[in-house]
Amino acid sequence: MMAMNYLGSFLLIILGLYMMVSKRNLIKIIIGLDLVDYGANLLIVSIGFRDGGTAPIFTLSELFSGAYFVDPVPQALTLTSIVIGACVTAMSLALIIKIKDQYGTIDSHKVRRLNG
């Protein structure tokens, strides 16, 4: 089961990198950036997972030597990454709107040629 999570995260990262490198449309480049972000989030959460683990919220009566807890640090990092990814996406889309207003196109090759 965990191998599927790792495989899925690597496929998302590779697909996102492919879209960022090969596409000319700025919107598709941003979608590729988001796919890389989603793949990294899945990878971080998968690394922090422990089979049979419980939430790291416990009382003294629940604490015993054989207790397995899921690591909360990767989950906190993933939540932070989701917020940062949403902000980066919003800022990127706002920049694309300004590029469309200024140059009349969202094709990255045409925008580069117009700048000289």
PDB file of N, CA and C in Angstrom:
ATOM      1  N   MET A   1       0.824  -1.197   0.000  1.00  0.00           N
ATOM      2  CA  MET A   1       0.000   0.000   0.000  1.00  0.00           C
ATOM      3  C   MET A   1       0.865   1.256   0.000  1.00  0.00           C
ATOM      4  N   MET A   2       1.909   1.254   0.817  1.00  0.00           N
ATOM      5  CA  MET A   2       2.771   2.436   0.873  1.00  0.00           C
ATOM      6  C   MET A   2       3.561   2.602  -0.415  1.00  0.00           C
ATOM      7  N   ALA A   3       3.862   1.503  -1.083  1.00  0.00           N
ATOM      8  CA  ALA A   3       4.584   1.606  -2.350  1.00  0.00           C
ATOM      9  C   ALA A   3       3.749   2.358  -3.382  1.00  0.00           C
ATOM     10  N   MET A   4       2.437   2.211  -3.318  1.00  0.00           N
ATOM     11  CA  MET A   4       1.562   2.942  -4.247  1.00  0.00           C
ATOM     12  C   MET A   4       1.609   4.443  -3.967  1.00  0.00           C
ATOM     13  N   ASN A   5       1.706   4.825  -2.698  1.00  0.00           N
ATOM     14  CA  ASN A   5       1.819   6.241  -2.361  1.00  0.00           C
ATOM     15  C   ASN A   5       3.115   6.831  -2.899  1.00  0.00           C
ATOM     16  N   TYR A   6       4.219   6.102  -2.709  1.00  0.00           N
ATOM     17  CA  TYR A   6       5.500   6.586  -3.217  1.00  0.00           C
ATOM     18  C   TYR A   6       5.496   6.659  -4.737  1.00  0.00           C
ATOM     19  N   LEU A   7       4.959   5.628  -5.373  1.00  0.00           N
ATOM     20  CA  LEU A   7       4.887   5.607  -6.830  1.00  0.00           C
ATOM     21  C   LEU A   7       4.010   6.753  -7.344  1.00  0.00           C
ATOM     22  N   GLY A   8       2.871   6.967  -6.700  1.00  0.00           N
ATOM     23  CA  GLY A   8       1.979   8.057  -7.107  1.00  0.00           C
ATOM     24  C   GLY A   8       2.620   9.414  -6.924  1.00  0.00           C
ATOM     25  N   SER A   9       3.351   9.605  -5.831  1.00  0.00           N
ATOM     26  CA  SER A   9       3.990  10.902  -5.613  1.00  0.00           C
ATOM     27  C   SER A   9       5.092  11.145  -6.642  1.00  0.00           C
ATOM     28  N   PHE A  10       5.881  10.128  -6.947  1.00  0.00           N
ATOM     29  CA  PHE A  10       6.921  10.310  -7.954  1.00  0.00           C
ATOM     30  C   PHE A  10       6.327  10.538  -9.342  1.00  0.00           C
ATOM     31  N   LEU A  11       5.223   9.868  -9.656  1.00  0.00           N
ATOM     32  CA  LEU A  11       4.577  10.110 -10.948  1.00  0.00           C
ATOM     33  C   LEU A  11       4.030  11.538 -11.040  1.00  0.00           C
ATOM     34  N   LEU A  12       3.445  12.032  -9.959  1.00  0.00           N
ATOM     35  CA  LEU A  12       2.959  13.416  -9.956  1.00  0.00           C
ATOM     36  C   LEU A  12       4.102  14.408 -10.138  1.00  0.00           C
ATOM     37  N   ILE A  13       5.204  14.160  -9.458  1.00  0.00           N
ATOM     38  CA  ILE A  13       6.353  15.067  -9.576  1.00  0.00           C
ATOM     39  C   ILE A  13       6.924  15.033 -10.988  1.00  0.00           C
ATOM     40  N   ILE A  14       7.070  13.846 -11.558  1.00  0.00           N
ATOM     41  CA  ILE A  14       7.632  13.723 -12.912  1.00  0.00           C
ATOM     42  C   ILE A  14       6.685  14.332 -13.941  1.00  0.00           C
ATOM     43  N   LEU A  15       5.376  14.089 -13.808  1.00  0.00           N
ATOM     44  CA  LEU A  15       4.410  14.667 -14.737  1.00  0.00           C
ATOM     45  C   LEU A  15       4.406  16.190 -14.643  1.00  0.00           C
ATOM     46  N   GLY A  16       4.491  16.719 -13.427  1.00  0.00           N
ATOM     47  CA  GLY A  16       4.532  18.159 -13.245  1.00  0.00           C
ATOM     48  C   GLY A  16       5.784  18.779 -13.845  1.00  0.00           C
ATOM     49  N   LEU A  17       6.932  18.129 -13.635  1.00  0.00           N
ATOM     50  CA  LEU A  17       8.168  18.641 -14.234  1.00  0.00           C
ATOM     51  C   LEU A  17       8.109  18.605 -15.762  1.00  0.00           C
ATOM     52  N   TYR A  18       7.526  17.533 -16.304  1.00  0.00           N
ATOM     53  CA  TYR A  18       7.371  17.442 -17.752  1.00  0.00           C
ATOM     54  C   TYR A  18       6.499  18.583 -18.284  1.00  0.00           C
ATOM     55  N   MET A  19       5.406  18.861 -17.590  1.00  0.00           N
ATOM     56  CA  MET A  19       4.526  19.952 -18.034  1.00  0.00           C
ATOM     57  C   MET A  19       5.221  21.299 -17.938  1.00  0.00           C
ATOM     58  N   MET A  20       6.000  21.510 -16.891  1.00  0.00           N
ATOM     59  CA  MET A  20       6.678  22.792 -16.738  1.00  0.00           C
ATOM     60  C   MET A  20       7.728  23.014 -17.810  1.00  0.00           C
ATOM     61  N   VAL A  21       8.375  21.945 -18.260  1.00  0.00           N
ATOM     62  CA  VAL A  21       9.444  22.083 -19.240  1.00  0.00           C
ATOM     63  C   VAL A  21       8.912  22.107 -20.671  1.00  0.00           C
ATOM     64  N   SER A  22       7.903  21.308 -20.967  1.00  0.00           N
ATOM     65  CA  SER A  22       7.513  21.109 -22.361  1.00  0.00           C
ATOM     66  C   SER A  22       6.388  22.022 -22.847  1.00  0.00           C
ATOM     67  N   LYS A  23       5.590  22.571 -21.974  1.00  0.00           N
ATOM     68  CA  LYS A  23       4.440  23.359 -22.409  1.00  0.00           C
ATOM     69  C   LYS A  23       4.815  24.820 -22.610  1.00  0.00           C
ATOM     70  N   ARG A  24       4.075  25.493 -23.498  1.00  0.00           N
ATOM     71  CA  ARG A  24       4.315  26.903 -23.781  1.00  0.00           C
ATOM     72  C   ARG A  24       3.257  27.798 -23.153  1.00  0.00           C
ATOM     73  N   ASN A  25       2.103  27.223 -22.868  1.00  0.00           N
ATOM     74  CA  ASN A  25       1.017  27.982 -22.263  1.00  0.00           C
ATOM     75  C   ASN A  25       1.327  28.210 -20.781  1.00  0.00           C
ATOM     76  N   LEU A  26       1.244  29.459 -20.320  1.00  0.00           N
ATOM     77  CA  LEU A  26       1.603  29.777 -18.946  1.00  0.00           C
ATOM     78  C   LEU A  26       0.665  29.120 -17.935  1.00  0.00           C
ATOM     79  N   ILE A  27      -0.611  28.967 -18.282  1.00  0.00           N
ATOM     80  CA  ILE A  27      -1.557  28.313 -17.384  1.00  0.00           C
ATOM     81  C   ILE A  27      -1.159  26.851 -17.179  1.00  0.00           C
ATOM     82  N   LYS A  28      -0.761  26.178 -18.256  1.00  0.00           N
ATOM     83  CA  LYS A  28      -0.342  24.777 -18.152  1.00  0.00           C
ATOM     84  C   LYS A  28       0.949  24.644 -17.354  1.00  0.00           C
ATOM     85  N   ILE A  29       1.820  25.639 -17.432  1.00  0.00           N
ATOM     86  CA  ILE A  29       3.039  25.626 -16.631  1.00  0.00           C
ATOM     87  C   ILE A  29       2.695  25.725 -15.148  1.00  0.00           C
ATOM     88  N   ILE A  30       1.710  26.556 -14.805  1.00  0.00           N
ATOM     89  CA  ILE A  30       1.274  26.682 -13.411  1.00  0.00           C
ATOM     90  C   ILE A  30       0.615  25.377 -12.936  1.00  0.00           C
ATOM     91  N   ILE A  31      -0.139  24.716 -13.803  1.00  0.00           N
ATOM     92  CA  ILE A  31      -0.725  23.424 -13.437  1.00  0.00           C
ATOM     93  C   ILE A  31       0.379  22.409 -13.166  1.00  0.00           C
ATOM     94  N   GLY A  32       1.443  22.420 -13.961  1.00  0.00           N
ATOM     95  CA  GLY A  32       2.589  21.544 -13.712  1.00  0.00           C
ATOM     96  C   GLY A  32       3.257  21.852 -12.383  1.00  0.00           C
ATOM     97  N   LEU A  33       3.367  23.126 -12.045  1.00  0.00           N
ATOM     98  CA  LEU A  33       3.926  23.518 -10.754  1.00  0.00           C
ATOM     99  C   LEU A  33       3.069  22.998  -9.608  1.00  0.00           C
ATOM    100  N   ASP A  34       1.757  23.060  -9.776  1.00  0.00           N
ATOM    101  CA  ASP A  34       0.856  22.528  -8.754  1.00  0.00           C
ATOM    102  C   ASP A  34       0.977  21.013  -8.621  1.00  0.00           C
ATOM    103  N   LEU A  35       1.150  20.309  -9.735  1.00  0.00           N
ATOM    104  CA  LEU A  35       1.317  18.857  -9.670  1.00  0.00           C
ATOM    105  C   LEU A  35       2.585  18.474  -8.904  1.00  0.00           C
ATOM    106  N   VAL A  36       3.661  19.229  -9.110  1.00  0.00           N
ATOM    107  CA  VAL A  36       4.885  18.978  -8.352  1.00  0.00           C
ATOM    108  C   VAL A  36       4.631  19.203  -6.868  1.00  0.00           C
ATOM    109  N   ASP A  37       3.881  20.259  -6.544  1.00  0.00           N
ATOM    110  CA  ASP A  37       3.559  20.560  -5.151  1.00  0.00           C
ATOM    111  C   ASP A  37       2.719  19.447  -4.531  1.00  0.00           C
ATOM    112  N   TYR A  38       1.709  18.957  -5.256  1.00  0.00           N
ATOM    113  CA  TYR A  38       0.861  17.876  -4.737  1.00  0.00           C
ATOM    114  C   TYR A  38       1.660  16.593  -4.541  1.00  0.00           C
ATOM    115  N   GLY A  39       2.561  16.298  -5.485  1.00  0.00           N
ATOM    116  CA  GLY A  39       3.402  15.111  -5.360  1.00  0.00           C
ATOM    117  C   GLY A  39       4.332  15.194  -4.162  1.00  0.00           C
ATOM    118  N   ALA A  40       4.893  16.375  -3.922  1.00  0.00           N
ATOM    119  CA  ALA A  40       5.772  16.547  -2.761  1.00  0.00           C
ATOM    120  C   ALA A  40       4.977  16.408  -1.459  1.00  0.00           C
ATOM    121  N   ASN A  41       3.761  16.950  -1.434  1.00  0.00           N
ATOM    122  CA  ASN A  41       2.921  16.817  -0.235  1.00  0.00           C
ATOM    123  C   ASN A  41       2.579  15.358   0.038  1.00  0.00           C
ATOM    124  N   LEU A  42       2.237  14.609  -0.995  1.00  0.00           N
ATOM    125  CA  LEU A  42       1.934  13.188  -0.825  1.00  0.00           C
ATOM    126  C   LEU A  42       3.152  12.420  -0.336  1.00  0.00           C
ATOM    127  N   LEU A  43       4.312  12.765  -0.845  1.00  0.00           N
ATOM    128  CA  LEU A  43       5.545  12.102  -0.423  1.00  0.00           C
ATOM    129  C   LEU A  43       5.844  12.390   1.046  1.00  0.00           C
ATOM    130  N   ILE A  44       5.682  13.632   1.476  1.00  0.00           N
ATOM    131  CA  ILE A  44       5.964  13.985   2.872  1.00  0.00           C
ATOM    132  C   ILE A  44       5.011  13.266   3.816  1.00  0.00           C
ATOM    133  N   VAL A  45       3.724  13.233   3.475  1.00  0.00           N
ATOM    134  CA  VAL A  45       2.760  12.546   4.332  1.00  0.00           C
ATOM    135  C   VAL A  45       3.030  11.048   4.349  1.00  0.00           C
ATOM    136  N   SER A  46       3.412  10.483   3.225  1.00  0.00           N
ATOM    137  CA  SER A  46       3.691   9.042   3.166  1.00  0.00           C
ATOM    138  C   SER A  46       4.915   8.670   3.987  1.00  0.00           C
ATOM    139  N   ILE A  47       5.897   9.545   4.017  1.00  0.00           N
ATOM    140  CA  ILE A  47       7.091   9.270   4.817  1.00  0.00           C
ATOM    141  C   ILE A  47       6.756   9.265   6.302  1.00  0.00           C
ATOM    142  N   GLY A  48       5.841  10.147   6.728  1.00  0.00           N
ATOM    143  CA  GLY A  48       5.496  10.235   8.138  1.00  0.00           C
ATOM    144  C   GLY A  48       4.517   9.183   8.619  1.00  0.00           C
ATOM    145  N   PHE A  49       3.964   8.384   7.734  1.00  0.00           N
ATOM    146  CA  PHE A  49       2.969   7.379   8.111  1.00  0.00           C
ATOM    147  C   PHE A  49       3.632   6.176   8.765  1.00  0.00           C
ATOM    148  N   ARG A  50       2.999   5.665   9.812  1.00  0.00           N
ATOM    149  CA  ARG A  50       3.439   4.424  10.453  1.00  0.00           C
ATOM    150  C   ARG A  50       2.274   3.466  10.486  1.00  0.00           C
ATOM    151  N   ASP A  51       2.505   2.250  10.034  1.00  0.00           N
ATOM    152  CA  ASP A  51       1.454   1.245   9.999  1.00  0.00           C
ATOM    153  C   ASP A  51       1.032   0.887  11.424  1.00  0.00           C
ATOM    154  N   GLY A  52      -0.252   0.994  11.701  1.00  0.00           N
ATOM    155  CA  GLY A  52      -0.754   0.683  13.028  1.00  0.00           C
ATOM    156  C   GLY A  52      -0.581   1.816  14.022  1.00  0.00           C
ATOM    157  N   GLY A  53      -0.121   2.969  13.558  1.00  0.00           N
ATOM    158  CA  GLY A  53       0.098   4.098  14.446  1.00  0.00           C
ATOM    159  C   GLY A  53      -1.191   4.824  14.771  1.00  0.00           C
ATOM    160  N   THR A  54      -1.187   5.511  15.900  1.00  0.00           N
ATOM    161  CA  THR A  54      -2.342   6.296  16.312  1.00  0.00           C
ATOM    162  C   THR A  54      -1.942   7.767  16.350  1.00  0.00           C
ATOM    163  N   ALA A  55      -2.914   8.606  16.579  1.00  0.00           N
ATOM    164  CA  ALA A  55      -2.660  10.042  16.665  1.00  0.00           C
ATOM    165  C   ALA A  55      -1.757  10.327  17.863  1.00  0.00           C
ATOM    166  N   PRO A  56      -0.867  11.308  17.749  1.00  0.00           N
ATOM    167  CA  PRO A  56       0.056  11.580  18.854  1.00  0.00           C
ATOM    168  C   PRO A  56      -0.585  12.381  19.990  1.00  0.00           C
ATOM    169  N   ILE A  57      -1.875  12.192  20.211  1.00  0.00           N
ATOM    170  CA  ILE A  57      -2.588  12.822  21.313  1.00  0.00           C
ATOM    171  C   ILE A  57      -2.931  11.698  22.287  1.00  0.00           C
ATOM    172  N   PHE A  58      -2.413  11.772  23.484  1.00  0.00           N
ATOM    173  CA  PHE A  58      -2.602  10.667  24.416  1.00  0.00           C
ATOM    174  C   PHE A  58      -2.669  11.195  25.846  1.00  0.00           C
ATOM    175  N   THR A  59      -3.189  10.343  26.718  1.00  0.00           N
ATOM    176  CA  THR A  59      -3.164  10.596  28.163  1.00  0.00           C
ATOM    177  C   THR A  59      -2.196   9.602  28.795  1.00  0.00           C
ATOM    178  N   LEU A  60      -1.923   9.775  30.047  1.00  0.00           N
ATOM    179  CA  LEU A  60      -0.968   8.878  30.716  1.00  0.00           C
ATOM    180  C   LEU A  60      -1.452   7.435  30.756  1.00  0.00           C
ATOM    181  N   SER A  61      -2.769   7.226  30.775  1.00  0.00           N
ATOM    182  CA  SER A  61      -3.275   5.849  30.804  1.00  0.00           C
ATOM    183  C   SER A  61      -3.101   5.151  29.450  1.00  0.00           C
ATOM    184  N   GLU A  62      -3.004   5.926  28.359  1.00  0.00           N
ATOM    185  CA  GLU A  62      -2.845   5.329  27.026  1.00  0.00           C
ATOM    186  C   GLU A  62      -1.388   5.118  26.650  1.00  0.00           C
ATOM    187  N   LEU A  63      -0.473   5.654  27.419  1.00  0.00           N
ATOM    188  CA  LEU A  63       0.950   5.558  27.107  1.00  0.00           C
ATOM    189  C   LEU A  63       1.534   4.273  27.680  1.00  0.00           C
ATOM    190  N   PHE A  64       2.037   3.420  26.796  1.00  0.00           N
ATOM    191  CA  PHE A  64       2.697   2.199  27.207  1.00  0.00           C
ATOM    192  C   PHE A  64       3.868   1.954  26.277  1.00  0.00           C
ATOM    193  N   SER A  65       4.704   0.995  26.591  1.00  0.00           N
ATOM    194  CA  SER A  65       5.979   0.840  25.878  1.00  0.00           C
ATOM    195  C   SER A  65       5.813   0.410  24.421  1.00  0.00           C
ATOM    196  N   GLY A  66       4.757  -0.265  24.072  1.00  0.00           N
ATOM    197  CA  GLY A  66       4.578  -0.733  22.695  1.00  0.00           C
ATOM    198  C   GLY A  66       3.713   0.177  21.843  1.00  0.00           C
ATOM    199  N   ALA A  67       3.430   1.379  22.291  1.00  0.00           N
ATOM    200  CA  ALA A  67       2.541   2.281  21.553  1.00  0.00           C
ATOM    201  C   ALA A  67       3.263   2.875  20.349  1.00  0.00           C
ATOM    202  N   TYR A  68       2.592   2.863  19.210  1.00  0.00           N
ATOM    203  CA  TYR A  68       3.131   3.455  17.998  1.00  0.00           C
ATOM    204  C   TYR A  68       2.340   4.718  17.690  1.00  0.00           C
ATOM    205  N   PHE A  69       3.067   5.825  17.494  1.00  0.00           N
ATOM    206  CA  PHE A  69       2.425   7.085  17.170  1.00  0.00           C
ATOM    207  C   PHE A  69       2.890   7.544  15.800  1.00  0.00           C
ATOM    208  N   VAL A  70       1.983   8.176  15.075  1.00  0.00           N
ATOM    209  CA  VAL A  70       2.321   8.763  13.785  1.00  0.00           C
ATOM    210  C   VAL A  70       3.080  10.051  14.043  1.00  0.00           C
ATOM    211  N   ASP A  71       4.125  10.296  13.279  1.00  0.00           N
ATOM    212  CA  ASP A  71       4.945  11.490  13.460  1.00  0.00           C
ATOM    213  C   ASP A  71       4.152  12.723  13.016  1.00  0.00           C
ATOM    214  N   PRO A  72       3.931  13.711  13.887  1.00  0.00           N
ATOM    215  CA  PRO A  72       3.132  14.884  13.514  1.00  0.00           C
ATOM    216  C   PRO A  72       3.904  15.936  12.722  1.00  0.00           C
ATOM    217  N   VAL A  73       5.233  15.865  12.696  1.00  0.00           N
ATOM    218  CA  VAL A  73       6.022  16.893  12.015  1.00  0.00           C
ATOM    219  C   VAL A  73       5.774  16.894  10.502  1.00  0.00           C
ATOM    220  N   PRO A  74       5.783  15.756   9.802  1.00  0.00           N
ATOM    221  CA  PRO A  74       5.478  15.800   8.370  1.00  0.00           C
ATOM    222  C   PRO A  74       4.074  16.329   8.070  1.00  0.00           C
ATOM    223  N   GLN A  75       3.128  16.043   8.946  1.00  0.00           N
ATOM    224  CA  GLN A  75       1.775  16.566   8.730  1.00  0.00           C
ATOM    225  C   GLN A  75       1.757  18.083   8.860  1.00  0.00           C
ATOM    226  N   ALA A  76       2.472  18.614   9.829  1.00  0.00           N
ATOM    227  CA  ALA A  76       2.541  20.070   9.992  1.00  0.00           C
ATOM    228  C   ALA A  76       3.260  20.714   8.808  1.00  0.00           C
ATOM    229  N   LEU A  77       4.320  20.075   8.335  1.00  0.00           N
ATOM    230  CA  LEU A  77       5.024  20.600   7.159  1.00  0.00           C
ATOM    231  C   LEU A  77       4.135  20.584   5.924  1.00  0.00           C
ATOM    232  N   THR A  78       3.324  19.545   5.786  1.00  0.00           N
ATOM    233  CA  THR A  78       2.424  19.459   4.644  1.00  0.00           C
ATOM    234  C   THR A  78       1.354  20.539   4.700  1.00  0.00           C
ATOM    235  N   LEU A  79       0.811  20.797   5.869  1.00  0.00           N
ATOM    236  CA  LEU A  79      -0.171  21.878   5.992  1.00  0.00           C
ATOM    237  C   LEU A  79       0.441  23.220   5.617  1.00  0.00           C
ATOM    238  N   THR A  80       1.665  23.463   6.062  1.00  0.00           N
ATOM    239  CA  THR A  80       2.353  24.696   5.692  1.00  0.00           C
ATOM    240  C   THR A  80       2.598  24.748   4.193  1.00  0.00           C
ATOM    241  N   SER A  81       2.976  23.629   3.607  1.00  0.00           N
ATOM    242  CA  SER A  81       3.228  23.567   2.172  1.00  0.00           C
ATOM    243  C   SER A  81       1.955  23.807   1.358  1.00  0.00           C
ATOM    244  N   ILE A  82       0.826  23.321   1.843  1.00  0.00           N
ATOM    245  CA  ILE A  82      -0.440  23.548   1.139  1.00  0.00           C
ATOM    246  C   ILE A  82      -0.777  25.030   1.107  1.00  0.00           C
ATOM    247  N   VAL A  83      -0.584  25.718   2.228  1.00  0.00           N
ATOM    248  CA  VAL A  83      -0.868  27.152   2.284  1.00  0.00           C
ATOM    249  C   VAL A  83       0.078  27.921   1.372  1.00  0.00           C
ATOM    250  N   ILE A  84       1.355  27.587   1.410  1.00  0.00           N
ATOM    251  CA  ILE A  84       2.327  28.276   0.555  1.00  0.00           C
ATOM    252  C   ILE A  84       2.033  27.994  -0.916  1.00  0.00           C
ATOM    253  N   GLY A  85       1.673  26.756  -1.246  1.00  0.00           N
ATOM    254  CA  GLY A  85       1.338  26.414  -2.631  1.00  0.00           C
ATOM    255  C   GLY A  85       0.129  27.165  -3.148  1.00  0.00           C
ATOM    256  N   ALA A  86      -0.877  27.348  -2.307  1.00  0.00           N
ATOM    257  CA  ALA A  86      -2.058  28.108  -2.708  1.00  0.00           C
ATOM    258  C   ALA A  86      -1.695  29.566  -2.960  1.00  0.00           C
ATOM    259  N   CYS A  87      -0.842  30.125  -2.118  1.00  0.00           N
ATOM    260  CA  CYS A  87      -0.416  31.517  -2.308  1.00  0.00           C
ATOM    261  C   CYS A  87       0.415  31.686  -3.581  1.00  0.00           C
ATOM    262  N   VAL A  88       1.307  30.745  -3.837  1.00  0.00           N
ATOM    263  CA  VAL A  88       2.132  30.811  -5.050  1.00  0.00           C
ATOM    264  C   VAL A  88       1.252  30.685  -6.297  1.00  0.00           C
ATOM    265  N   THR A  89       0.273  29.796  -6.260  1.00  0.00           N
ATOM    266  CA  THR A  89      -0.640  29.640  -7.399  1.00  0.00           C
ATOM    267  C   THR A  89      -1.441  30.908  -7.643  1.00  0.00           C
ATOM    268  N   ALA A  90      -1.965  31.507  -6.579  1.00  0.00           N
ATOM    269  CA  ALA A  90      -2.741  32.740  -6.725  1.00  0.00           C
ATOM    270  C   ALA A  90      -1.873  33.868  -7.282  1.00  0.00           C
ATOM    271  N   MET A  91      -0.662  33.995  -6.784  1.00  0.00           N
ATOM    272  CA  MET A  91       0.237  35.041  -7.277  1.00  0.00           C
ATOM    273  C   MET A  91       0.625  34.796  -8.732  1.00  0.00           C
ATOM    274  N   SER A  92       0.870  33.542  -9.088  1.00  0.00           N
ATOM    275  CA  SER A  92       1.237  33.208 -10.464  1.00  0.00           C
ATOM    276  C   SER A  92       0.092  33.502 -11.424  1.00  0.00           C
ATOM    277  N   LEU A  93      -1.122  33.170 -11.026  1.00  0.00           N
ATOM    278  CA  LEU A  93      -2.270  33.450 -11.892  1.00  0.00           C
ATOM    279  C   LEU A  93      -2.506  34.947 -12.027  1.00  0.00           C
ATOM    280  N   ALA A  94      -2.263  35.705 -10.965  1.00  0.00           N
ATOM    281  CA  ALA A  94      -2.386  37.160 -11.053  1.00  0.00           C
ATOM    282  C   ALA A  94      -1.339  37.731 -12.017  1.00  0.00           C
ATOM    283  N   LEU A  95      -0.126  37.190 -11.976  1.00  0.00           N
ATOM    284  CA  LEU A  95       0.905  37.632 -12.920  1.00  0.00           C
ATOM    285  C   LEU A  95       0.545  37.270 -14.352  1.00  0.00           C
ATOM    286  N   ILE A  96      -0.058  36.114 -14.551  1.00  0.00           N
ATOM    287  CA  ILE A  96      -0.479  35.721 -15.901  1.00  0.00           C
ATOM    288  C   ILE A  96      -1.554  36.664 -16.420  1.00  0.00           C
ATOM    289  N   ILE A  97      -2.446  37.086 -15.566  1.00  0.00           N
ATOM    290  CA  ILE A  97      -3.473  38.058 -15.988  1.00  0.00           C
ATOM    291  C   ILE A  97      -2.812  39.354 -16.430  1.00  0.00           C
ATOM    292  N   LYS A  98      -1.817  39.834 -15.696  1.00  0.00           N
ATOM    293  CA  LYS A  98      -1.101  41.060 -16.075  1.00  0.00           C
ATOM    294  C   LYS A  98      -0.315  40.871 -17.369  1.00  0.00           C
ATOM    295  N   ILE A  99       0.276  39.700 -17.555  1.00  0.00           N
ATOM    296  CA  ILE A  99       0.995  39.417 -18.805  1.00  0.00           C
ATOM    297  C   ILE A  99       0.023  39.411 -19.973  1.00  0.00           C
ATOM    298  N   LYS A 100      -1.149  38.829 -19.789  1.00  0.00           N
ATOM    299  CA  LYS A 100      -2.160  38.817 -20.850  1.00  0.00           C
ATOM    300  C   LYS A 100      -2.601  40.236 -21.193  1.00  0.00           C
ATOM    301  N   ASP A 101      -2.789  41.081 -20.179  1.00  0.00           N
ATOM    302  CA  ASP A 101      -3.164  42.475 -20.441  1.00  0.00           C
ATOM    303  C   ASP A 101      -2.056  43.234 -21.153  1.00  0.00           C
ATOM    304  N   GLN A 102      -0.809  43.004 -20.761  1.00  0.00           N
ATOM    305  CA  GLN A 102       0.319  43.755 -21.318  1.00  0.00           C
ATOM    306  C   GLN A 102       0.696  43.293 -22.725  1.00  0.00           C
ATOM    307  N   TYR A 103       0.778  41.981 -22.951  1.00  0.00           N
ATOM    308  CA  TYR A 103       1.282  41.448 -24.210  1.00  0.00           C
ATOM    309  C   TYR A 103       0.208  40.861 -25.111  1.00  0.00           C
ATOM    310  N   GLY A 104      -0.969  40.587 -24.589  1.00  0.00           N
ATOM    311  CA  GLY A 104      -2.044  40.035 -25.398  1.00  0.00           C
ATOM    312  C   GLY A 104      -1.937  38.541 -25.646  1.00  0.00           C
ATOM    313  N   THR A 105      -1.042  37.853 -24.972  1.00  0.00           N
ATOM    314  CA  THR A 105      -0.871  36.416 -25.152  1.00  0.00           C
ATOM    315  C   THR A 105      -0.381  35.794 -23.850  1.00  0.00           C
ATOM    316  N   ILE A 106      -0.614  34.486 -23.726  1.00  0.00           N
ATOM    317  CA  ILE A 106      -0.058  33.757 -22.581  1.00  0.00           C
ATOM    318  C   ILE A 106       0.910  32.671 -23.051  1.00  0.00           C
ATOM    319  N   ASP A 107       1.368  32.786 -24.290  1.00  0.00           N
ATOM    320  CA  ASP A 107       2.380  31.883 -24.825  1.00  0.00           C
ATOM    321  C   ASP A 107       3.755  32.375 -24.371  1.00  0.00           C
ATOM    322  N   SER A 108       4.488  31.535 -23.672  1.00  0.00           N
ATOM    323  CA  SER A 108       5.752  31.970 -23.084  1.00  0.00           C
ATOM    324  C   SER A 108       6.800  32.331 -24.140  1.00  0.00           C
ATOM    325  N   HIS A 109       6.795  31.661 -25.277  1.00  0.00           N
ATOM    326  CA  HIS A 109       7.772  31.970 -26.321  1.00  0.00           C
ATOM    327  C   HIS A 109       7.489  33.323 -26.962  1.00  0.00           C
ATOM    328  N   LYS A 110       6.233  33.655 -27.155  1.00  0.00           N
ATOM    329  CA  LYS A 110       5.894  34.959 -27.737  1.00  0.00           C
ATOM    330  C   LYS A 110       6.199  36.090 -26.775  1.00  0.00           C
ATOM    331  N   VAL A 111       5.983  35.878 -25.497  1.00  0.00           N
ATOM    332  CA  VAL A 111       6.292  36.916 -24.506  1.00  0.00           C
ATOM    333  C   VAL A 111       7.783  37.146 -24.449  1.00  0.00           C
ATOM    334  N   ARG A 112       8.583  36.100 -24.541  1.00  0.00           N
ATOM    335  CA  ARG A 112      10.037  36.252 -24.529  1.00  0.00           C
ATOM    336  C   ARG A 112      10.517  37.003 -25.749  1.00  0.00           C
ATOM    337  N   ARG A 113       9.947  36.737 -26.913  1.00  0.00           N
ATOM    338  CA  ARG A 113      10.369  37.416 -28.141  1.00  0.00           C
ATOM    339  C   ARG A 113      10.024  38.896 -28.106  1.00  0.00           C
ATOM    340  N   LEU A 114       8.902  39.250 -27.470  1.00  0.00           N
ATOM    341  CA  LEU A 114       8.505  40.652 -27.406  1.00  0.00           C
ATOM    342  C   LEU A 114       9.439  41.473 -26.528  1.00  0.00           C
ATOM    343  N   ASN A 115      10.069  40.824 -25.558  1.00  0.00           N
ATOM    344  CA  ASN A 115      10.982  41.552 -24.680  1.00  0.00           C
ATOM    345  C   ASN A 115      12.339  41.789 -25.323  1.00  0.00           C
ATOM    346  N   GLY A 116      12.651  41.104 -26.379  1.00  0.00           N
ATOM    347  CA  GLY A 116      13.917  41.346 -27.058  1.00  0.00           C
ATOM    348  C   GLY A 116      14.799  40.194 -26.895  1.00  0.00           C
TER     349      GLY A 116
END
